[in-house]
Amino acid sequence: MAASPIRPHRAEARALMALGLPIVGSHLAQVALHVTDTVMLGWYSVEALAAVVLGATAFFTVFVLGAGFAIAVMPMVAAAAARDEVREIRRTTRMGLWLSVGFSAAVMPFFLFSGAILAQLGQDPGVAALAGDYLRLAGWGMFPALLVMVLKSYLAALERTQVVLWATLAGVLLNAGLNWALIFGNWGAPELGVVGAAIASVATQLLTLAILVLYAALLPALRPHALFVRLWRSDRGALSAVFRLGWPIGLTGLAETGLFAASAVMMGWVGTRELAAHGIALEIASVTFMVHLGLSNAATVRAGQAHGLGDLGQLRLVGRTALLLSAVFAGLTMALFLGLPEPLIGLFLAADEPARPEILAIGATLLALAALFQFADAGQVMALGLLRGVQDTQVPMVLAAVSYWLVGIPCSWGLGFGLGLGAVGIWLGLVVGLALAGALLLARFWGGPARPRNAQSAPAA
């Protein structure tokens, strides 16, 4: 009797979940940092919340571009470790650290003059000034944040991810405590508002970096890598290799985050309350998105294994199973967003906030759109994960840029302002851009590396 076709999918689903759930946990811990900032600043004031939504969006957009070099370290270290090339591991990781420091220094002028830049982009002058106060301090956190990303990639490539999760959780606790003290002036601390949130963010990044540096330097199994011995020595060959692999990854991430950054800027043109509701809705959606991102990372590994073995059947099985798991979770998310929008949004607002009813109403509408948003975003991130698994990155970068910048952003502007739909129109543009990216990237995967060989070689009729 032939085996049930369901059995391979069940086995693959178990493999993906076993690999993906720890990654999901790490991603969720990272998101908890941003959620903590948003919740506490929402309790503080709507203006402070709007300012940090704007500032954090700007910070993250720049961070994603620089993180391409850090992410490039992961496959390079993994390949070197498989060949037991200790020197190559050290060279690659060190130059990833070098590039991250250089990038951070290059973007510091933007953070120092961010208030004036945001005001020139049409933001409310008061909100832009507060966002500038936040970024002038938070921008210094770019250095430790990118160095942490390099060490995370290094440790993940060596299958040492538990320390990353524990370091991130320690950062969550520190961030929450410092926010509570410095935003509101509790426990005898000064009341600093958005500046307090910035100090908490930088301190959290420094703590995480310290934990990972100590782990990498002192763990006996990692001492042969000697990452921090003569760290000042340059290595042009390794520097060039990390740069070549990292810049397409960074630009792909920038294309997507730029779409969200542009939506935040446009939402600021609509109004402060709309911007606050936008930030809350995105925070909620980002929490659920971490599940899709974790599954996408797992799909990258599983697809990469199948690709390395030349097993087309397994590659197609990975693709189908990963997409099915992601779709099931997107369906559950849709039910949550449609069924409990106001309780979810209310978590981010003080009970006595005068603008609470209006923000709840706007946010509930945006969460209804986020039901579609989840399906679209899940499709594109899973497609990117599968394509990276088969080492296809440059064309996906172009497809993503076209979908987000040439279609998504113009649609957001046209629907939001041309047709007068406001906040709803801006979010509909997001859905259009993400859906197009998902369709194009999935078409490339199924029509290229996952296409049956007989279909690839069959003559035209």
Protein backbone atom coordinates (compact mmCIF):
# COMPACT_ATOMS: atom_id res chain seq x y z
CA MET A 1 0.00 0.00 0.00
CA ALA A 2 1.32 3.47 -0.89
CA ALA A 3 2.11 5.81 1.96
CA SER A 4 -0.43 8.51 2.70
CA PRO A 5 0.52 11.82 1.05
CA ILE A 6 -0.33 13.49 4.35
CA ARG A 7 2.49 11.77 6.24
CA PRO A 8 5.42 13.57 4.55
CA HIS A 9 3.71 16.90 5.18
CA ARG A 10 3.21 16.04 8.85
CA ALA A 11 6.85 15.04 9.22
CA GLU A 12 8.00 18.22 7.47
CA ALA A 13 5.65 20.33 9.61
CA ARG A 14 7.15 18.81 12.76
CA ALA A 15 10.66 19.52 11.48
CA LEU A 16 9.80 23.12 10.62
CA MET A 17 8.15 23.70 13.98
CA ALA A 18 11.02 22.15 15.93
CA LEU A 19 13.46 24.39 14.10
CA GLY A 20 11.27 27.48 13.93
CA LEU A 21 9.75 27.78 17.42
CA PRO A 22 13.00 28.67 19.21
CA ILE A 23 13.64 31.29 16.53
CA VAL A 24 10.10 32.62 16.99
CA GLY A 25 10.73 32.92 20.72
CA SER A 26 13.85 34.99 20.12
CA HIS A 27 12.02 37.27 17.67
CA LEU A 28 9.11 37.74 20.09
CA ALA A 29 11.49 38.68 22.88
CA GLN A 30 12.99 41.34 20.60
CA VAL A 31 9.55 42.71 19.72
CA ALA A 32 8.71 42.89 23.43
CA LEU A 33 11.27 45.67 23.73
CA HIS A 34 9.41 47.84 21.20
CA VAL A 35 5.99 46.92 22.60
CA THR A 36 7.13 47.98 26.08
CA ASP A 37 8.20 51.38 24.74
CA THR A 38 4.92 51.85 22.88
CA VAL A 39 2.69 50.80 25.80
CA MET A 40 4.45 52.96 28.39
CA LEU A 41 4.64 56.02 26.15
CA GLY A 42 0.96 55.55 25.30
CA TRP A 43 0.29 55.75 29.02
CA TYR A 44 2.44 58.87 29.23
CA SER A 45 0.86 60.94 26.43
CA VAL A 46 -0.43 60.64 22.86
CA GLU A 47 2.14 63.20 21.67
CA ALA A 48 5.02 61.22 23.17
CA LEU A 49 3.66 58.02 21.62
CA ALA A 50 3.37 59.63 18.19
CA ALA A 51 6.90 61.05 18.45
CA VAL A 52 8.48 57.71 19.35
CA VAL A 53 6.44 55.89 16.68
CA LEU A 54 8.01 58.28 14.21
CA GLY A 55 11.48 58.11 15.77
CA ALA A 56 11.54 54.33 16.21
CA THR A 57 10.38 53.87 12.61
CA ALA A 58 13.26 56.05 11.39
CA PHE A 59 15.76 54.19 13.61
CA PHE A 60 14.58 50.77 12.47
CA THR A 61 14.66 51.76 8.80
CA VAL A 62 18.33 52.73 9.10
CA PHE A 63 19.06 49.68 11.25
CA VAL A 64 17.67 47.25 8.66
CA LEU A 65 19.97 48.64 5.97
CA GLY A 66 23.03 48.21 8.18
CA ALA A 67 21.91 44.79 9.41
CA GLY A 68 22.50 43.32 5.95
CA PHE A 69 26.21 43.02 6.78
CA ALA A 70 25.45 41.31 10.08
CA ILE A 71 23.04 38.86 8.46
CA ALA A 72 25.66 38.04 5.80
CA VAL A 73 27.93 36.75 8.56
CA MET A 74 25.57 33.86 9.30
CA PRO A 75 25.86 31.78 6.09
CA MET A 76 29.56 32.59 5.76
CA VAL A 77 30.36 31.43 9.31
CA ALA A 78 28.15 28.37 8.91
CA ALA A 79 30.04 27.34 5.77
CA ALA A 80 33.41 27.93 7.42
CA ALA A 81 32.36 25.97 10.52
CA ALA A 82 31.27 23.02 8.36
CA ARG A 83 34.81 22.97 6.90
CA ASP A 84 36.31 23.49 10.38
CA GLU A 85 38.05 26.66 9.17
CA VAL A 86 38.58 28.51 12.43
CA ARG A 87 40.55 31.30 10.81
CA GLU A 88 37.75 31.96 8.28
CA ILE A 89 35.18 32.14 11.09
CA ARG A 90 37.31 34.74 12.85
CA ARG A 91 37.97 36.78 9.68
CA THR A 92 34.32 36.90 8.63
CA THR A 93 32.95 37.80 12.05
CA ARG A 94 35.56 40.47 12.69
CA MET A 95 34.91 42.20 9.38
CA GLY A 96 31.18 42.02 10.05
CA LEU A 97 31.91 43.93 13.26
CA TRP A 98 34.06 46.42 11.33
CA LEU A 99 31.39 47.09 8.73
CA SER A 100 28.74 47.52 11.42
CA VAL A 101 30.83 50.12 13.26
CA GLY A 102 31.58 51.97 10.03
CA PHE A 103 27.94 52.02 9.01
CA SER A 104 26.86 53.29 12.45
CA ALA A 105 29.35 56.15 12.30
CA ALA A 106 28.20 57.08 8.78
CA VAL A 107 24.53 57.44 9.76
CA MET A 108 25.03 59.36 13.02
CA PRO A 109 24.56 62.80 11.38
CA PHE A 110 21.03 61.76 10.40
CA PHE A 111 20.15 61.02 14.03
CA LEU A 112 21.77 64.21 15.33
CA PHE A 113 19.75 66.41 12.95
CA SER A 114 16.63 64.21 12.78
CA GLY A 115 14.25 66.77 14.30
CA ALA A 116 14.84 69.28 11.51
CA ILE A 117 14.75 66.52 8.86
CA LEU A 118 11.38 65.18 10.08
CA ALA A 119 9.95 68.70 10.21
CA GLN A 120 11.01 69.22 6.58
CA LEU A 121 9.14 66.02 5.69
CA GLY A 122 5.90 67.68 6.78
CA GLN A 123 5.51 66.27 10.28
CA ASP A 124 3.81 68.24 13.04
CA PRO A 125 6.52 70.57 14.45
CA GLY A 126 5.92 69.49 18.04
CA VAL A 127 5.98 65.77 17.21
CA ALA A 128 9.08 66.23 15.02
CA ALA A 129 10.90 68.06 17.83
CA LEU A 130 10.07 65.29 20.33
CA ALA A 131 11.15 62.63 17.84
CA GLY A 132 14.42 64.52 17.35
CA ASP A 133 15.00 64.57 21.12
CA TYR A 134 14.49 60.80 21.15
CA LEU A 135 16.75 60.04 18.16
CA ARG A 136 19.65 62.24 19.26
CA LEU A 137 20.17 59.80 22.13
CA ALA A 138 18.70 56.59 20.68
CA GLY A 139 20.87 56.96 17.56
CA TRP A 140 23.98 56.13 19.60
CA GLY A 141 22.38 52.74 20.15
CA MET A 142 23.00 51.91 16.50
CA PHE A 143 26.56 50.89 17.38
CA PRO A 144 25.68 48.22 19.98
CA ALA A 145 22.51 47.17 18.12
CA LEU A 146 24.41 46.23 14.94
CA LEU A 147 27.27 44.63 16.87
CA VAL A 148 24.68 42.50 18.66
CA MET A 149 23.29 41.46 15.26
CA VAL A 150 26.74 40.33 14.11
CA LEU A 151 27.27 38.24 17.25
CA LYS A 152 23.76 36.79 16.94
CA SER A 153 24.55 35.68 13.39
CA TYR A 154 27.88 34.24 14.50
CA LEU A 155 26.29 32.27 17.36
CA ALA A 156 23.29 31.12 15.30
CA ALA A 157 25.62 29.78 12.60
CA LEU A 158 27.32 27.74 15.33
CA GLU A 159 23.89 26.56 16.60
CA ARG A 160 24.27 28.42 19.89
CA THR A 161 20.96 30.30 20.05
CA GLN A 162 19.86 29.85 23.66
CA VAL A 163 22.23 32.53 24.91
CA VAL A 164 20.74 34.96 22.37
CA LEU A 165 17.24 34.30 23.74
CA TRP A 166 18.36 34.72 27.36
CA ALA A 167 20.29 37.91 26.57
CA THR A 168 17.26 39.36 24.81
CA LEU A 169 14.97 38.46 27.72
CA ALA A 170 17.39 40.15 30.14
CA GLY A 171 17.21 43.22 27.93
CA VAL A 172 13.40 43.17 28.04
CA LEU A 173 13.45 43.26 31.85
CA LEU A 174 16.02 46.06 31.98
CA ASN A 175 14.14 48.06 29.35
CA ALA A 176 10.82 47.78 31.21
CA GLY A 177 12.39 48.83 34.51
CA LEU A 178 14.26 51.80 33.08
CA ASN A 179 11.23 52.93 31.09
CA TRP A 180 9.07 52.84 34.21
CA ALA A 181 11.65 54.87 36.12
CA LEU A 182 12.79 57.37 33.50
CA ILE A 183 9.64 58.03 31.44
CA PHE A 184 7.36 58.68 34.42
CA GLY A 185 9.88 59.69 37.10
CA ASN A 186 9.19 56.69 39.34
CA TRP A 187 11.48 55.31 42.08
CA GLY A 188 13.06 58.73 42.61
CA ALA A 189 14.28 59.06 39.01
CA PRO A 190 13.73 62.25 36.97
CA GLU A 191 10.68 62.36 34.67
CA LEU A 192 12.24 62.44 31.19
CA GLY A 193 9.45 61.27 28.86
CA VAL A 194 10.76 60.34 25.41
CA VAL A 195 14.36 61.04 26.46
CA GLY A 196 13.96 58.46 29.22
CA ALA A 197 12.76 55.92 26.66
CA ALA A 198 15.86 56.63 24.54
CA ILE A 199 18.20 56.15 27.51
CA ALA A 200 16.46 52.85 28.34
CA SER A 201 16.86 51.63 24.75
CA VAL A 202 20.60 52.37 24.58
CA ALA A 203 21.20 50.79 28.00
CA THR A 204 19.32 47.67 26.91
CA GLN A 205 21.42 47.34 23.76
CA LEU A 206 24.63 47.76 25.74
CA LEU A 207 23.58 45.06 28.23
CA THR A 208 22.74 42.61 25.43
CA LEU A 209 26.07 43.33 23.74
CA ALA A 210 27.99 42.82 26.99
CA ILE A 211 26.34 39.42 27.58
CA LEU A 212 27.10 38.18 24.07
CA VAL A 213 30.68 39.49 24.07
CA LEU A 214 31.41 37.79 27.38
CA TYR A 215 29.85 34.55 26.15
CA ALA A 216 31.80 34.58 22.87
CA ALA A 217 35.06 35.49 24.60
CA LEU A 218 34.90 33.22 27.65
CA LEU A 219 33.09 30.06 26.55
CA PRO A 220 35.82 27.40 26.26
CA ALA A 221 34.37 25.96 23.03
CA LEU A 222 34.55 29.39 21.36
CA ARG A 223 37.95 30.54 22.65
CA PRO A 224 39.83 29.10 19.63
CA HIS A 225 38.01 31.65 17.44
CA ALA A 226 39.71 34.50 19.37
CA LEU A 227 37.24 37.03 17.97
CA PHE A 228 38.46 39.96 20.03
CA VAL A 229 42.20 39.34 19.90
CA ARG A 230 43.87 42.03 17.73
CA LEU A 231 40.42 43.13 16.60
CA TRP A 232 41.90 46.29 15.09
CA ARG A 233 43.64 44.37 12.28
CA SER A 234 41.97 44.88 8.90
CA ASP A 235 41.32 42.09 6.40
CA ARG A 236 40.49 43.43 2.94
CA GLY A 237 39.52 40.05 1.51
CA ALA A 238 37.03 39.20 4.24
CA LEU A 239 35.77 42.79 4.37
CA SER A 240 35.00 42.71 0.65
CA ALA A 241 33.30 39.29 0.87
CA VAL A 242 31.00 40.32 3.72
CA PHE A 243 30.18 43.60 1.96
CA ARG A 244 29.32 41.89 -1.35
CA LEU A 245 26.95 39.45 0.33
CA GLY A 246 25.50 41.94 2.78
CA TRP A 247 24.42 44.87 0.67
CA PRO A 248 21.64 43.06 -1.29
CA ILE A 249 20.26 41.70 1.99
CA GLY A 250 20.25 45.18 3.50
CA LEU A 251 18.56 46.76 0.48
CA THR A 252 15.88 44.06 0.42
CA GLY A 253 15.08 44.78 4.05
CA LEU A 254 15.20 48.51 3.41
CA ALA A 255 12.70 48.19 0.57
CA GLU A 256 10.10 46.71 2.94
CA THR A 257 10.83 48.84 5.99
CA GLY A 258 10.92 51.90 3.76
CA LEU A 259 7.33 51.13 2.83
CA PHE A 260 6.33 51.21 6.50
CA ALA A 261 8.45 54.29 7.19
CA ALA A 262 6.76 56.11 4.32
CA SER A 263 3.37 55.08 5.67
CA ALA A 264 4.29 56.55 9.08
CA VAL A 265 5.33 59.82 7.43
CA MET A 266 2.09 59.95 5.44
CA MET A 267 0.08 59.09 8.54
CA GLY A 268 1.70 62.05 10.28
CA TRP A 269 0.28 64.26 7.51
CA VAL A 270 -3.21 62.96 8.35
CA GLY A 271 -2.97 63.70 12.08
CA THR A 272 -1.33 62.94 15.42
CA ARG A 273 -4.12 60.62 16.58
CA GLU A 274 -4.04 58.70 13.31
CA LEU A 275 -0.27 58.35 13.66
CA ALA A 276 -0.68 57.04 17.21
CA ALA A 277 -3.31 54.50 16.09
CA HIS A 278 -1.09 53.49 13.19
CA GLY A 279 1.82 52.84 15.53
CA ILE A 280 -0.29 50.74 17.89
CA ALA A 281 -1.79 48.67 15.07
CA LEU A 282 1.67 48.05 13.60
CA GLU A 283 3.03 46.97 16.98
CA ILE A 284 0.23 44.41 17.33
CA ALA A 285 0.72 43.18 13.77
CA SER A 286 4.49 42.97 14.28
CA VAL A 287 4.02 40.57 17.21
CA THR A 288 2.08 38.08 15.09
CA PHE A 289 4.45 38.65 12.15
CA MET A 290 7.30 37.26 14.24
CA VAL A 291 5.73 33.79 13.95
CA HIS A 292 5.81 34.04 10.16
CA LEU A 293 9.38 35.35 10.28
CA GLY A 294 10.50 32.47 12.49
CA LEU A 295 8.87 29.95 10.16
CA SER A 296 10.50 31.74 7.22
CA ASN A 297 13.93 31.38 8.86
CA ALA A 298 13.24 27.68 9.42
CA ALA A 299 12.09 27.34 5.80
CA THR A 300 15.37 28.91 4.67
CA VAL A 301 17.32 26.21 6.51
CA ARG A 302 15.13 23.32 5.29
CA ALA A 303 15.05 24.60 1.71
CA GLY A 304 18.81 25.11 1.82
CA GLN A 305 19.30 21.50 2.90
CA ALA A 306 17.08 20.21 0.08
CA HIS A 307 18.81 22.50 -2.43
CA GLY A 308 22.24 21.31 -1.31
CA LEU A 309 21.19 17.69 -1.82
CA GLY A 310 19.57 18.45 -5.19
CA ASP A 311 16.30 16.98 -3.84
CA LEU A 312 13.60 18.79 -5.81
CA GLY A 313 10.78 16.77 -4.26
CA GLN A 314 11.90 17.70 -0.75
CA LEU A 315 12.28 21.34 -1.77
CA ARG A 316 8.69 21.43 -3.03
CA LEU A 317 7.52 19.68 0.14
CA VAL A 318 9.25 22.31 2.29
CA GLY A 319 7.63 25.10 0.29
CA ARG A 320 4.12 23.66 0.50
CA THR A 321 4.34 22.83 4.18
CA ALA A 322 5.86 26.15 5.23
CA LEU A 323 3.21 28.10 3.33
CA LEU A 324 0.43 25.97 4.81
CA LEU A 325 1.66 26.51 8.38
CA SER A 326 1.93 30.23 7.77
CA ALA A 327 -1.57 30.38 6.25
CA VAL A 328 -3.10 28.55 9.22
CA PHE A 329 -1.56 30.99 11.66
CA ALA A 330 -2.64 33.95 9.48
CA GLY A 331 -6.23 32.65 9.67
CA LEU A 332 -6.06 32.51 13.48
CA THR A 333 -4.62 36.02 13.53
CA MET A 334 -7.42 37.32 11.32
CA ALA A 335 -10.03 35.96 13.76
CA LEU A 336 -8.23 37.65 16.66
CA PHE A 337 -7.93 41.02 14.92
CA LEU A 338 -11.57 41.03 13.82
CA GLY A 339 -12.93 39.70 17.11
CA LEU A 340 -10.99 41.68 19.73
CA PRO A 341 -9.69 44.91 18.17
CA GLU A 342 -10.57 47.38 20.93
CA PRO A 343 -9.20 45.31 23.87
CA LEU A 344 -5.93 44.87 21.96
CA ILE A 345 -5.57 48.57 21.16
CA GLY A 346 -6.72 49.61 24.63
CA LEU A 347 -3.64 47.94 26.15
CA PHE A 348 -1.54 50.75 24.68
CA LEU A 349 -3.59 53.67 26.02
CA ALA A 350 -4.20 55.16 29.45
CA ALA A 351 -7.77 54.74 30.69
CA ASP A 352 -8.15 58.51 31.22
CA GLU A 353 -6.58 59.52 27.87
CA PRO A 354 -8.97 62.13 26.33
CA ALA A 355 -8.28 60.90 22.78
CA ARG A 356 -8.79 57.22 23.71
CA PRO A 357 -12.24 56.76 22.03
CA GLU A 358 -11.06 58.24 18.74
CA ILE A 359 -7.80 56.29 18.70
CA LEU A 360 -9.70 53.07 19.52
CA ALA A 361 -12.06 53.64 16.60
CA ILE A 362 -9.25 54.38 14.14
CA GLY A 363 -7.15 51.49 15.41
CA ALA A 364 -10.04 49.01 15.16
CA THR A 365 -10.44 49.89 11.49
CA LEU A 366 -6.72 49.47 10.88
CA LEU A 367 -6.69 46.09 12.61
CA ALA A 368 -9.50 44.96 10.32
CA LEU A 369 -7.21 45.81 7.41
CA ALA A 370 -4.38 44.04 9.26
CA ALA A 371 -6.30 40.80 8.73
CA LEU A 372 -5.51 41.16 5.02
CA PHE A 373 -2.13 42.62 5.92
CA GLN A 374 -1.14 39.40 7.71
CA PHE A 375 -1.88 37.16 4.72
CA ALA A 376 0.03 39.46 2.38
CA ASP A 377 3.00 39.91 4.71
CA ALA A 378 3.15 36.19 5.48
CA GLY A 379 3.26 35.36 1.77
CA GLN A 380 6.12 37.68 0.96
CA VAL A 381 8.30 36.77 3.97
CA MET A 382 7.83 33.03 3.37
CA ALA A 383 8.74 33.49 -0.29
CA LEU A 384 11.88 35.41 0.66
CA GLY A 385 12.85 32.69 3.13
CA LEU A 386 12.45 29.94 0.55
CA LEU A 387 14.39 31.87 -2.10
CA ARG A 388 17.24 32.60 0.29
CA GLY A 389 17.34 28.88 1.00
CA VAL A 390 18.19 28.26 -2.65
CA GLN A 391 20.65 31.20 -2.61
CA ASP A 392 18.53 33.42 -4.85
CA THR A 393 18.77 36.98 -3.47
CA GLN A 394 19.52 39.61 -6.11
CA VAL A 395 16.38 39.23 -8.26
CA PRO A 396 14.16 39.05 -5.15
CA MET A 397 15.73 42.34 -4.07
CA VAL A 398 14.58 43.94 -7.34
CA LEU A 399 11.09 42.39 -7.11
CA ALA A 400 10.71 43.64 -3.55
CA ALA A 401 11.84 47.16 -4.42
CA VAL A 402 9.42 47.38 -7.35
CA SER A 403 6.50 46.06 -5.29
CA TYR A 404 7.05 48.28 -2.27
CA TRP A 405 8.38 51.51 -3.77
CA LEU A 406 6.91 51.68 -7.27
CA VAL A 407 3.54 50.20 -6.35
CA GLY A 408 2.93 50.15 -2.58
CA ILE A 409 3.96 53.70 -1.69
CA PRO A 410 2.21 55.35 -4.67
CA CYS A 411 -0.94 53.34 -3.86
CA SER A 412 -0.82 54.48 -0.23
CA TRP A 413 -0.50 58.11 -1.30
CA GLY A 414 -3.12 57.85 -4.05
CA LEU A 415 -5.70 56.08 -1.90
CA GLY A 416 -4.96 58.06 1.25
CA PHE A 417 -4.83 61.56 -0.26
CA GLY A 418 -5.82 61.37 -3.93
CA LEU A 419 -9.08 59.56 -3.13
CA GLY A 420 -9.34 61.07 0.35
CA LEU A 421 -9.48 57.76 2.24
CA GLY A 422 -6.97 58.97 4.83
CA ALA A 423 -5.56 56.37 7.22
CA VAL A 424 -7.58 53.56 5.62
CA GLY A 425 -6.22 54.38 2.17
CA ILE A 426 -2.62 54.42 3.43
CA TRP A 427 -3.06 50.93 4.88
CA LEU A 428 -4.75 49.63 1.73
CA GLY A 429 -1.63 50.72 -0.14
CA LEU A 430 0.47 48.65 2.26
CA VAL A 431 -1.66 45.60 1.54
CA VAL A 432 -1.32 46.13 -2.23
CA GLY A 433 2.46 46.42 -2.08
CA LEU A 434 2.93 43.40 0.17
CA ALA A 435 0.48 41.26 -1.79
CA LEU A 436 2.24 42.04 -5.07
CA ALA A 437 5.62 41.21 -3.53
CA GLY A 438 4.29 37.91 -2.23
CA ALA A 439 2.81 36.99 -5.61
CA LEU A 440 5.97 37.86 -7.57
CA LEU A 441 8.35 36.17 -5.14
CA LEU A 442 6.25 33.01 -4.88
CA ALA A 443 5.96 32.90 -8.66
CA ARG A 444 9.75 33.07 -8.89
CA PHE A 445 10.15 30.22 -6.39
CA TRP A 446 7.57 27.88 -7.90
CA GLY A 447 8.44 28.81 -11.48
CA GLY A 448 12.19 28.53 -10.97
CA PRO A 449 14.02 26.41 -8.38
CA ALA A 450 10.87 24.52 -7.31
CA ARG A 451 9.58 23.91 -10.84
CA PRO A 452 9.36 20.21 -11.81
CA ARG A 453 12.27 19.28 -14.07
CA ASN A 454 10.05 17.72 -16.72
CA ALA A 455 8.21 21.04 -16.92
CA GLN A 456 11.50 22.90 -17.22
CA SER A 457 12.79 20.74 -20.02
CA ALA A 458 9.60 19.93 -21.89
CA PRO A 459 9.54 21.26 -25.46
CA ALA A 460 7.00 23.85 -26.48
CA ALA A 461 3.77 22.45 -27.88
